[in-house]
Protein backbone atom coordinates (compact mmCIF):
# COMPACT_ATOMS: atom_id res chain seq x y z
CA UNK A 1 110.45 61.22 107.40
CA UNK A 2 106.81 60.23 107.31
CA UNK A 3 105.13 58.48 104.46
CA UNK A 4 102.67 61.39 104.22
CA UNK A 5 105.52 63.85 103.67
CA UNK A 6 107.17 61.86 100.90
CA UNK A 7 103.78 61.28 99.29
CA UNK A 8 103.18 65.04 99.22
CA UNK A 9 106.60 65.66 97.71
CA UNK A 10 106.10 62.87 95.20
CA UNK A 11 102.72 64.15 94.07
CA UNK A 12 104.09 67.67 93.66
CA UNK A 13 107.01 66.33 91.64
CA UNK A 14 104.68 64.31 89.43
CA UNK A 15 102.56 67.34 88.60
CA UNK A 16 105.54 69.68 88.39
CA UNK A 17 107.44 67.40 86.02
CA UNK A 18 104.48 67.38 83.65
CA UNK A 19 104.10 71.14 83.96
CA UNK A 20 107.82 71.68 83.30
CA UNK A 21 107.70 69.61 80.11
CA UNK A 22 104.42 71.23 79.02
CA UNK A 23 105.71 74.73 79.67
CA UNK A 24 109.03 73.73 78.13
CA UNK A 25 107.25 72.94 74.88
CA UNK A 26 105.64 76.37 75.03
CA UNK A 27 108.98 78.04 75.80
CA UNK A 28 110.75 76.30 72.92
CA UNK A 29 108.04 77.18 70.41
CA UNK A 30 107.17 80.63 71.80
CA UNK A 31 109.89 82.48 69.82
CA UNK A 32 108.56 80.90 66.61
CA UNK A 33 104.93 81.68 67.47
CA UNK A 34 105.81 85.27 68.44
CA UNK A 35 107.47 85.82 65.07
CA UNK A 36 104.57 84.27 63.14
CA UNK A 37 101.74 86.14 64.89
CA UNK A 38 101.50 89.90 65.39
CA UNK A 39 100.86 91.45 68.83
CA UNK A 40 97.34 92.33 67.62
CA UNK A 41 96.57 88.61 67.14
CA UNK A 42 97.74 87.90 70.69
CA UNK A 43 95.53 90.74 71.88
CA UNK A 44 92.40 89.32 70.23
CA UNK A 45 93.12 85.84 71.61
CA UNK A 46 93.77 87.28 75.07
CA UNK A 47 90.42 89.09 75.09
CA UNK A 48 88.58 85.93 74.00
CA UNK A 49 90.35 83.98 76.74
CA UNK A 50 89.35 86.62 79.28
CA UNK A 51 85.68 86.33 78.35
CA UNK A 52 85.65 82.52 78.47
CA UNK A 53 87.70 82.44 81.68
CA UNK A 54 85.25 84.70 83.49
CA UNK A 55 82.30 82.45 82.66
CA UNK A 56 84.26 79.19 82.77
CA UNK A 57 85.52 79.62 86.33
CA UNK A 58 81.94 79.61 87.65
CA UNK A 59 80.60 77.06 85.16
CA UNK A 60 80.29 74.47 87.94
CA UNK A 61 78.95 77.12 90.35
CA UNK A 62 82.05 76.21 92.41
CA UNK A 63 80.65 72.81 93.39
CA UNK A 64 83.76 71.24 91.86
CA UNK A 65 85.72 72.54 94.86
CA UNK A 66 83.55 70.51 97.24
CA UNK A 67 84.51 67.20 95.59
CA UNK A 68 87.64 67.00 97.74
CA UNK A 69 85.93 67.43 101.10
CA UNK A 70 83.64 64.42 101.84
CA UNK A 71 85.17 61.38 103.50
CA UNK A 72 82.83 59.16 101.46
CA UNK A 73 83.59 58.50 97.78
CA UNK A 74 79.87 57.95 97.28
CA UNK A 75 79.11 61.54 98.34
CA UNK A 76 82.02 62.90 96.31
CA UNK A 77 80.80 61.09 93.17
CA UNK A 78 77.42 62.80 93.49
CA UNK A 79 79.17 66.16 93.85
CA UNK A 80 80.92 65.42 90.57
CA UNK A 81 77.46 64.85 89.12
CA UNK A 82 76.30 68.19 90.57
CA UNK A 83 79.28 69.93 88.98
CA UNK A 84 78.67 68.47 85.52
CA UNK A 85 74.96 69.31 85.71
CA UNK A 86 75.79 72.93 86.54
CA UNK A 87 78.25 73.09 83.63
CA UNK A 88 75.60 72.12 81.10
CA UNK A 89 73.14 74.68 82.47
CA UNK A 90 75.68 77.53 82.52
CA UNK A 91 76.95 76.71 79.01
CA UNK A 92 73.36 76.75 77.72
CA UNK A 93 72.67 80.13 79.32
CA UNK A 94 75.93 81.46 77.88
CA UNK A 95 74.86 80.43 74.38
CA UNK A 96 71.57 82.33 74.76
CA UNK A 97 73.38 85.45 75.97
CA UNK A 98 75.81 85.32 73.03
CA UNK A 99 72.97 85.00 70.52
CA UNK A 100 70.91 87.82 72.02
CA UNK A 101 73.56 90.31 73.14
CA UNK A 102 76.62 89.84 70.91
CA UNK A 103 76.63 93.50 69.82
CA UNK A 104 76.45 94.67 73.43
CA UNK A 105 79.43 92.48 74.34
CA UNK A 106 81.50 93.85 71.46
CA UNK A 107 80.71 97.48 72.31
CA UNK A 108 81.56 96.80 75.95
CA UNK A 109 85.07 95.57 75.17
CA UNK A 110 85.68 97.90 72.21
CA UNK A 111 87.25 95.17 70.05
CA UNK A 112 85.20 94.34 66.96
CA UNK A 113 87.70 91.67 65.85
CA UNK A 114 86.39 89.32 68.55
CA UNK A 115 82.80 89.29 67.24
CA UNK A 116 83.33 86.53 64.69
CA UNK A 117 84.72 84.24 67.40
CA UNK A 118 81.99 84.73 70.02
CA UNK A 119 80.19 81.56 68.88
CA UNK A 120 83.14 79.62 70.31
CA UNK A 121 82.52 80.95 73.83
CA UNK A 122 79.77 78.44 74.89
CA UNK A 123 81.74 75.31 73.87
CA UNK A 124 84.87 76.78 75.47
CA UNK A 125 82.93 77.38 78.70
CA UNK A 126 81.54 73.83 78.60
CA UNK A 127 85.03 72.46 78.11
CA UNK A 128 86.49 74.58 80.91
CA UNK A 129 83.80 73.53 83.39
CA UNK A 130 84.11 69.82 82.63
CA UNK A 131 87.88 70.09 82.94
CA UNK A 132 87.59 71.76 86.37
CA UNK A 133 85.25 69.05 87.66
CA UNK A 134 87.39 66.18 86.34
CA UNK A 135 90.60 67.71 87.68
CA UNK A 136 89.16 67.95 91.18
CA UNK A 137 87.94 64.35 91.03
CA UNK A 138 91.37 63.29 89.80
CA UNK A 139 93.01 65.12 92.71
CA UNK A 140 90.71 63.34 95.15
CA UNK A 141 91.75 59.96 93.76
CA UNK A 142 95.43 61.07 93.85
CA UNK A 143 96.06 60.11 90.23
CA UNK A 144 98.53 62.95 89.77
CA UNK A 145 100.85 61.10 87.41
CA UNK A 146 98.38 60.97 84.55
CA UNK A 147 97.76 64.71 84.80
CA UNK A 148 101.44 65.26 83.97
CA UNK A 149 101.13 63.24 80.77
CA UNK A 150 97.89 64.96 79.81
CA UNK A 151 99.42 68.42 80.27
CA UNK A 152 102.31 67.50 78.00
CA UNK A 153 99.97 66.16 75.30
CA UNK A 154 97.77 69.25 75.54
CA UNK A 155 100.74 71.62 75.30
CA UNK A 156 102.16 69.74 72.31
CA UNK A 157 98.86 69.90 70.43
CA UNK A 158 98.18 73.55 71.31
CA UNK A 159 101.63 74.89 70.47
CA UNK A 160 102.07 72.55 67.50
CA UNK A 161 98.78 73.71 65.98
CA UNK A 162 99.89 77.35 66.30
CA UNK A 163 103.19 76.68 64.54
CA UNK A 164 101.69 74.58 61.75
CA UNK A 165 98.91 77.10 61.11
CA UNK A 166 101.37 80.00 61.25
CA UNK A 167 103.70 78.50 58.65
CA UNK A 168 100.65 77.74 56.50
CA UNK A 169 99.85 81.46 56.49
CA UNK A 170 96.97 81.46 58.97
CA UNK A 171 98.09 84.07 61.48
CA UNK A 172 94.90 85.60 62.85
CA UNK A 173 93.83 85.72 66.48
CA UNK A 174 91.23 83.08 65.67
CA UNK A 175 93.96 80.53 65.01
CA UNK A 176 95.39 81.11 68.50
CA UNK A 177 91.88 80.72 69.94
CA UNK A 178 91.16 77.47 68.08
CA UNK A 179 94.56 76.02 68.99
CA UNK A 180 93.87 76.61 72.68
CA UNK A 181 90.42 75.02 72.44
CA UNK A 182 91.82 72.02 70.56
CA UNK A 183 94.49 71.38 73.20
CA UNK A 184 91.95 71.68 76.01
CA UNK A 185 89.51 69.37 74.24
CA UNK A 186 92.07 66.60 73.79
CA UNK A 187 93.24 66.90 77.41
CA UNK A 188 89.68 66.76 78.77
CA UNK A 189 88.75 63.78 76.59
CA UNK A 190 91.81 61.80 77.71
CA UNK A 191 91.24 62.60 81.38
CA UNK A 192 87.53 61.85 81.15
CA UNK A 193 88.12 58.47 79.50
CA UNK A 194 90.70 57.47 82.11
CA UNK A 195 88.45 58.49 85.00
CA UNK A 196 85.50 56.62 83.49
CA UNK A 197 87.65 53.54 82.97
CA UNK A 198 88.76 53.51 86.62
CA UNK A 199 85.63 54.72 88.42
CA UNK A 200 82.61 53.99 86.25
CA UNK A 201 81.35 51.28 88.62
CA UNK A 202 81.43 53.74 91.52
CA UNK A 203 79.53 56.32 89.47
CA UNK A 204 76.90 53.82 88.34
CA UNK A 205 76.28 52.53 91.85
CA UNK A 206 76.50 55.85 93.71
CA UNK A 207 75.04 58.72 91.68
CA UNK A 208 71.34 59.16 92.44
CA UNK A 209 68.97 62.09 92.01
CA UNK A 210 68.25 62.32 95.75
CA UNK A 211 71.96 62.32 96.62
CA UNK A 212 72.65 65.01 94.04
CA UNK A 213 69.92 67.11 95.66
CA UNK A 214 71.50 66.54 99.07
CA UNK A 215 74.92 67.60 97.73
CA UNK A 216 73.47 70.79 96.25
CA UNK A 217 71.96 71.68 99.62
CA UNK A 218 74.84 70.52 101.85
CA UNK A 219 77.51 72.48 99.96
CA UNK A 220 75.34 75.41 98.89
CA UNK A 221 77.82 77.92 100.33
CA UNK A 222 80.17 77.07 97.49
CA UNK A 223 77.46 78.17 95.06
CA UNK A 224 75.93 81.02 97.03
CA UNK A 225 79.12 82.58 98.36
CA UNK A 226 82.26 81.19 96.72
CA UNK A 227 80.80 81.63 93.23
CA UNK A 228 80.90 85.39 93.78
CA UNK A 229 84.37 85.14 95.22
CA UNK A 230 85.53 83.09 92.25
CA UNK A 231 83.87 85.51 89.84
CA UNK A 232 85.51 88.50 91.49
CA UNK A 233 88.83 86.67 91.47
CA UNK A 234 88.77 85.78 87.77
CA UNK A 235 87.52 89.24 86.76
CA UNK A 236 90.39 90.66 88.82
CA UNK A 237 92.81 88.44 86.89
CA UNK A 238 91.33 89.53 83.58
CA UNK A 239 90.96 93.23 84.41
CA UNK A 240 94.25 94.22 82.73
CA UNK A 241 93.16 92.68 79.43
CA UNK A 242 89.63 94.10 79.67
CA UNK A 243 90.67 97.65 80.59
CA UNK A 244 93.72 97.78 78.33
CA UNK A 245 91.59 96.63 75.39
CA UNK A 246 89.13 99.46 76.08
CA UNK A 247 91.65 102.28 76.55
CA UNK A 248 94.56 101.14 74.38
CA UNK A 249 95.21 99.26 71.14
CA UNK A 250 95.06 95.47 70.62
CA UNK A 251 98.87 95.57 70.24
CA UNK A 252 99.24 96.82 73.84
CA UNK A 253 96.95 93.99 74.95
CA UNK A 254 99.13 91.56 72.99
CA UNK A 255 102.29 92.85 74.68
CA UNK A 256 100.64 92.42 78.06
CA UNK A 257 99.36 88.94 77.16
CA UNK A 258 102.81 87.61 76.28
CA UNK A 259 104.53 89.48 79.10
CA UNK A 260 102.13 88.22 81.75
CA UNK A 261 102.35 84.68 80.34
CA UNK A 262 106.11 84.69 80.86
CA UNK A 263 106.04 86.31 84.29
CA UNK A 264 103.38 83.89 85.52
CA UNK A 265 105.21 80.82 84.25
CA UNK A 266 106.49 79.82 87.72
CA UNK A 267 102.90 79.89 88.97
CA UNK A 268 101.81 77.67 86.10
CA UNK A 269 104.70 75.24 86.43
CA UNK A 270 105.04 74.93 90.20
CA UNK A 271 102.29 76.96 91.86
CA UNK A 272 99.35 75.18 90.23
CA UNK A 273 100.86 71.77 90.97
CA UNK A 274 101.48 72.71 94.61
CA UNK A 275 97.97 74.18 94.94
CA UNK A 276 96.32 71.03 93.60
CA UNK A 277 98.28 68.65 95.84
CA UNK A 278 98.20 71.05 98.81
CA UNK A 279 94.40 71.30 98.73
CA UNK A 280 94.05 67.52 98.77
CA UNK A 281 96.68 67.07 101.51
CA UNK A 282 95.46 69.97 103.66
CA UNK A 283 91.93 68.54 103.52
CA UNK A 284 93.28 65.26 104.90
CA UNK A 285 95.36 66.94 107.61
CA UNK A 286 92.43 69.11 108.66
CA UNK A 287 90.37 65.98 109.28
CA UNK A 288 93.23 64.77 111.49
CA UNK A 289 93.22 68.11 113.32
CA UNK A 290 96.64 69.55 112.38
CA UNK A 291 97.55 71.54 109.26
CA UNK A 292 100.44 73.57 110.73
CA UNK A 293 103.25 71.40 109.39
CA UNK A 294 101.95 71.06 105.84
CA UNK A 295 101.23 74.81 105.61
CA UNK A 296 104.60 76.07 106.90
CA UNK A 297 106.54 73.61 104.75
CA UNK A 298 104.54 74.53 101.66
CA UNK A 299 105.11 78.24 102.34
CA UNK A 300 108.87 77.73 102.65
CA UNK A 301 109.03 75.85 99.37
CA UNK A 302 106.96 78.43 97.51
CA UNK A 303 109.19 81.28 98.71
CA UNK A 304 112.33 79.30 97.88
CA UNK A 305 111.15 78.30 94.41
CA UNK A 306 109.68 81.61 93.28
CA UNK A 307 111.80 84.42 94.72
CA UNK A 308 115.05 84.06 92.80
CA UNK A 309 113.69 83.48 89.25
CA UNK A 310 111.25 86.39 89.53
CA UNK A 311 113.95 88.64 90.99
CA UNK A 312 116.09 87.83 87.95
CA UNK A 313 113.12 88.64 85.70
CA UNK A 314 112.85 92.09 87.34
CA UNK A 315 116.36 92.80 86.11
CA UNK A 316 116.62 91.14 82.68
CA UNK A 317 112.98 90.99 81.51
CA UNK A 318 113.51 93.26 78.50
CA UNK A 319 116.76 91.51 77.59
CA UNK A 320 114.97 88.15 77.68
CA UNK A 321 112.26 89.30 75.28
CA UNK A 322 114.69 90.94 72.84
CA UNK A 323 116.76 87.74 72.60
CA UNK A 324 113.87 85.26 72.59
CA UNK A 325 111.16 87.05 70.62
CA UNK A 326 112.88 89.87 68.74
CA UNK A 327 113.03 93.64 69.14
CA UNK A 328 109.33 93.97 68.24
CA UNK A 329 108.50 92.44 71.63
CA UNK A 330 110.85 94.51 73.81
CA UNK A 331 107.84 96.45 75.14
CA UNK A 332 106.43 93.20 76.54
CA UNK A 333 109.74 92.68 78.35
CA UNK A 334 109.31 96.01 80.14
CA UNK A 335 105.83 94.93 81.23
CA UNK A 336 107.36 91.72 82.58
CA UNK A 337 109.84 93.64 84.73
CA UNK A 338 107.02 95.75 86.16
CA UNK A 339 104.81 92.74 86.92
CA UNK A 340 107.47 90.45 88.43
CA UNK A 341 107.08 91.58 92.10
CA UNK A 342 103.31 91.04 91.89
CA UNK A 343 103.89 87.64 90.27
CA UNK A 344 106.02 86.48 93.21
CA UNK A 345 103.45 87.31 95.88
CA UNK A 346 100.75 85.76 93.71
CA UNK A 347 102.91 82.66 93.37
CA UNK A 348 103.07 82.34 97.15
CA UNK A 349 99.59 83.51 98.13
CA UNK A 350 97.46 81.81 95.50
CA UNK A 351 98.18 78.13 96.37
CA UNK A 352 97.78 78.84 100.09
CA UNK A 353 94.38 80.45 99.50
CA UNK A 354 92.80 76.99 99.23
CA UNK A 355 92.89 76.96 103.04
CA UNK A 356 89.77 79.14 102.94
CA UNK A 357 88.00 76.20 101.31
CA UNK A 358 89.55 73.62 103.63
CA UNK A 359 88.23 75.50 106.67
CA UNK A 360 85.02 76.42 104.80
CA UNK A 361 85.69 80.14 105.34
CA UNK A 362 84.09 81.24 102.09
CA UNK A 363 82.99 84.53 103.68
CA UNK A 364 86.61 85.53 104.29
CA UNK A 365 87.57 84.44 100.79
CA UNK A 366 84.81 86.60 99.33
CA UNK A 367 86.07 89.64 101.26
CA UNK A 368 89.60 89.04 100.03
CA UNK A 369 88.47 88.63 96.42
CA UNK A 370 86.51 91.88 96.72
CA UNK A 371 89.61 93.67 98.03
CA UNK A 372 91.70 92.30 95.16
CA UNK A 373 89.11 93.38 92.60
CA UNK A 374 88.70 96.91 93.99
CA UNK A 375 92.43 97.62 94.33
CA UNK A 376 93.20 96.26 90.87
CA UNK A 377 90.41 98.21 89.22
CA UNK A 378 91.40 101.50 90.87
CA UNK A 379 95.10 101.08 90.10
CA UNK A 380 94.52 100.14 86.45
CA UNK A 381 91.85 102.79 85.94
CA UNK A 382 94.14 105.56 87.18
CA UNK A 383 96.81 104.57 84.68
CA UNK A 384 94.31 104.15 81.86
CA UNK A 385 92.67 107.57 82.25
CA UNK A 386 96.15 109.11 82.41
CA UNK A 387 96.90 107.33 79.13
CA UNK A 388 100.06 105.73 80.55
CA UNK A 389 100.28 101.94 80.47
CA UNK A 390 103.41 101.94 82.67
CA UNK A 391 101.58 103.74 85.48
CA UNK A 392 98.63 101.38 85.10
CA UNK A 393 100.77 98.24 85.35
CA UNK A 394 103.04 99.72 88.04
CA UNK A 395 100.12 100.51 90.35
CA UNK A 396 98.60 97.12 89.49
CA UNK A 397 101.83 95.38 90.55
CA UNK A 398 102.20 97.45 93.73
CA UNK A 399 98.67 96.79 94.97
CA UNK A 400 99.12 93.11 94.06
CA UNK A 401 102.17 92.88 96.31
CA UNK A 402 100.23 94.33 99.24
CA UNK A 403 97.03 92.34 98.75
CA UNK A 404 98.58 88.96 97.95
CA UNK A 405 101.10 89.41 100.73
CA UNK A 406 98.15 89.97 103.06
CA UNK A 407 96.35 86.98 101.58
CA UNK A 408 99.31 84.70 102.27
CA UNK A 409 99.61 85.93 105.86
CA UNK A 410 95.87 85.60 106.48
CA UNK A 411 95.97 81.99 105.37
CA UNK A 412 99.05 81.32 107.48
CA UNK A 413 97.18 82.62 110.51
CA UNK A 414 94.42 80.06 109.90
CA UNK A 415 97.08 77.40 110.46
CA UNK A 416 98.41 79.14 113.59
CA UNK A 417 101.59 80.55 112.02
CA UNK A 418 102.81 83.94 113.25
CA UNK A 419 103.89 86.97 111.22
CA UNK A 420 107.41 86.64 112.67
CA UNK A 421 107.79 83.15 111.23
CA UNK A 422 106.47 84.26 107.82
CA UNK A 423 108.80 87.28 107.68
CA UNK A 424 111.83 85.29 108.84
CA UNK A 425 111.42 82.73 106.06
CA UNK A 426 111.04 85.44 103.40
CA UNK A 427 114.01 87.50 104.60
CA UNK A 428 116.27 84.46 104.79
CA UNK A 429 115.71 83.52 101.16
CA UNK A 430 115.85 87.17 100.07
CA UNK A 431 119.32 87.44 101.59
CA UNK A 432 120.33 84.29 99.71
CA UNK A 433 119.27 85.97 96.44
CA UNK A 434 120.84 89.39 96.97
CA UNK A 435 124.48 88.63 95.98
CA UNK A 436 123.45 87.16 92.62
CA UNK A 437 120.94 89.96 91.94
CA UNK A 438 123.50 92.67 92.75
CA UNK A 439 126.07 90.95 90.54
CA UNK A 440 123.61 90.90 87.65
CA UNK A 441 122.79 94.59 88.13
CA UNK A 442 126.53 95.38 88.09
CA UNK A 443 127.03 93.41 84.86
CA UNK A 444 124.06 95.08 83.17
CA UNK A 445 124.40 98.74 84.15
CA UNK A 446 128.13 99.15 84.92
CA UNK A 447 129.80 96.67 82.57
CA UNK A 448 127.12 97.07 79.90
CA UNK A 449 127.10 93.42 78.88
CA UNK A 450 124.90 92.35 75.97
CA UNK A 451 121.41 90.91 76.40
CA UNK A 452 122.59 87.47 75.26
CA UNK A 453 125.35 87.28 77.87
CA UNK A 454 123.05 88.57 80.62
CA UNK A 455 120.49 85.93 79.71
CA UNK A 456 123.06 83.13 79.76
CA UNK A 457 124.42 84.26 83.14
CA UNK A 458 120.89 84.52 84.56
CA UNK A 459 119.96 81.02 83.40
CA UNK A 460 123.13 79.63 84.99
CA UNK A 461 122.37 81.46 88.26
CA UNK A 462 118.78 80.21 88.35
CA UNK A 463 119.83 76.61 87.68
CA UNK A 464 122.53 76.78 90.35
CA UNK A 465 120.14 78.32 92.86
CA UNK A 466 117.47 75.72 92.05
CA UNK A 467 119.93 72.88 92.56
CA UNK A 468 120.94 74.24 95.97
CA UNK A 469 117.33 74.72 97.09
CA UNK A 470 116.37 71.25 95.88
CA UNK A 471 119.34 69.57 97.57
CA UNK A 472 118.60 71.31 100.87
CA UNK A 473 114.95 70.22 100.87
CA UNK A 474 114.50 67.22 103.16
CA UNK A 475 111.13 66.19 101.75
CA UNK A 476 112.26 66.00 98.16
CA UNK A 477 115.58 64.40 99.08
CA UNK A 478 113.71 61.73 101.02
CA UNK A 479 111.39 61.13 98.09
CA UNK A 480 114.25 60.82 95.59
CA UNK A 481 116.22 58.54 97.92
CA UNK A 482 113.19 56.32 98.43
CA UNK A 483 112.79 56.00 94.66
CA UNK A 484 116.49 55.19 94.20
CA UNK A 485 116.34 52.60 96.97
CA UNK A 486 113.21 51.07 95.46
CA UNK A 487 114.82 50.68 92.03
CA UNK A 488 118.05 49.39 93.59
CA UNK A 489 116.20 46.68 95.52
CA UNK A 490 114.18 45.88 92.42
CA UNK A 491 117.43 45.36 90.50
CA UNK A 492 118.82 43.09 93.21
CA UNK A 493 115.66 41.00 93.14
CA UNK A 494 116.29 40.28 89.47
């Protein structure tokens, strides 16, 4: 087993461990938060997050994605400077738009409750952009361990603030908004201070006005092309919240917000960690001339990690929400069951999509983002004008399966991997999952077991499946064994 392979596995484990703990904090406190705050409050917070996410994702004009690519740290440092400069400009423009057109924004989204929180959008955009730039610099320097700690601290502050405020009687959507901003602020400050402590000499000696100008010109495709792709992508992600808020009540938006948060948890825990490490590693392998191995192994692990949990969620989503959050949230559980197939293909396709950036194929990425946006809008719009949220989310999920499945395959082709290989991997793991899924269906619909028992059985099945997948993975076994051997030899030395 090569050093590069174990390093990849180790970096993924570092980020994943932090994500697991961070999401674990959210999972443990989510039932409390859901009982303290009404679905309407979640709906208002979700709409605010949608607005800030749309602007925040392009706050750096996508220059933050170029930080990983140069071989020279000097050039990369100047690209970090470009990214931070763009953030300040975009945040300033956002503030002007909010001041001048706040009534237009409110009428557009049909939710007057958000108006009093619009002043928080510019600082939230500034924070999001700085965080994106710093995270990409951190990935370049391979300091993945500290990101794990930062995610845990951020989650603790965010979720803790919600609980404390809720018990104190402050249960508006604004509290959820402020808690999210507070957690992000602390995380960004900690990361920024650590990066400055380690790399301030490089920044002081490298960043120059002329080099920043060169970086803007050299990587202009990120700004001119990928910005539109990123904008289409984030609007596509936020379309359900935006359209549901216009055609339905804030409560429906709140149900969707919590349901989608649960169904996308595997993407947040594992997918984002894999994407961050994969982008850095694929960039290295591309410079060596061979990305096939890293791509096929990453694809296998994504399918293995995501398929079984999301298949279980398709079956017991409503039961999970009734047990964890109460009967008031059972509607969100139904949404989760509908969205689970889409979530799986997103889980696989999204991390692999960074290959478009590695190969500098921004034109293809833009086309794919346009396809995602169009199909999502049409599917949601049909359901909305029919006045049926189930049809809207069902069509949304179906088109997501098709488009993200195509996205994954398109990226695999860039690495020279055939459709036969992709399909074989998927079908193999699907067959592994079928006996457990059929057993769960039998217990639910034939035996009529209670939601609590079904949830306990599902958790046991997922843990058992995860243990098997982990133990059969050569990369992670090699990494764990190397760590055990290292500590063993360290103990002998003393």
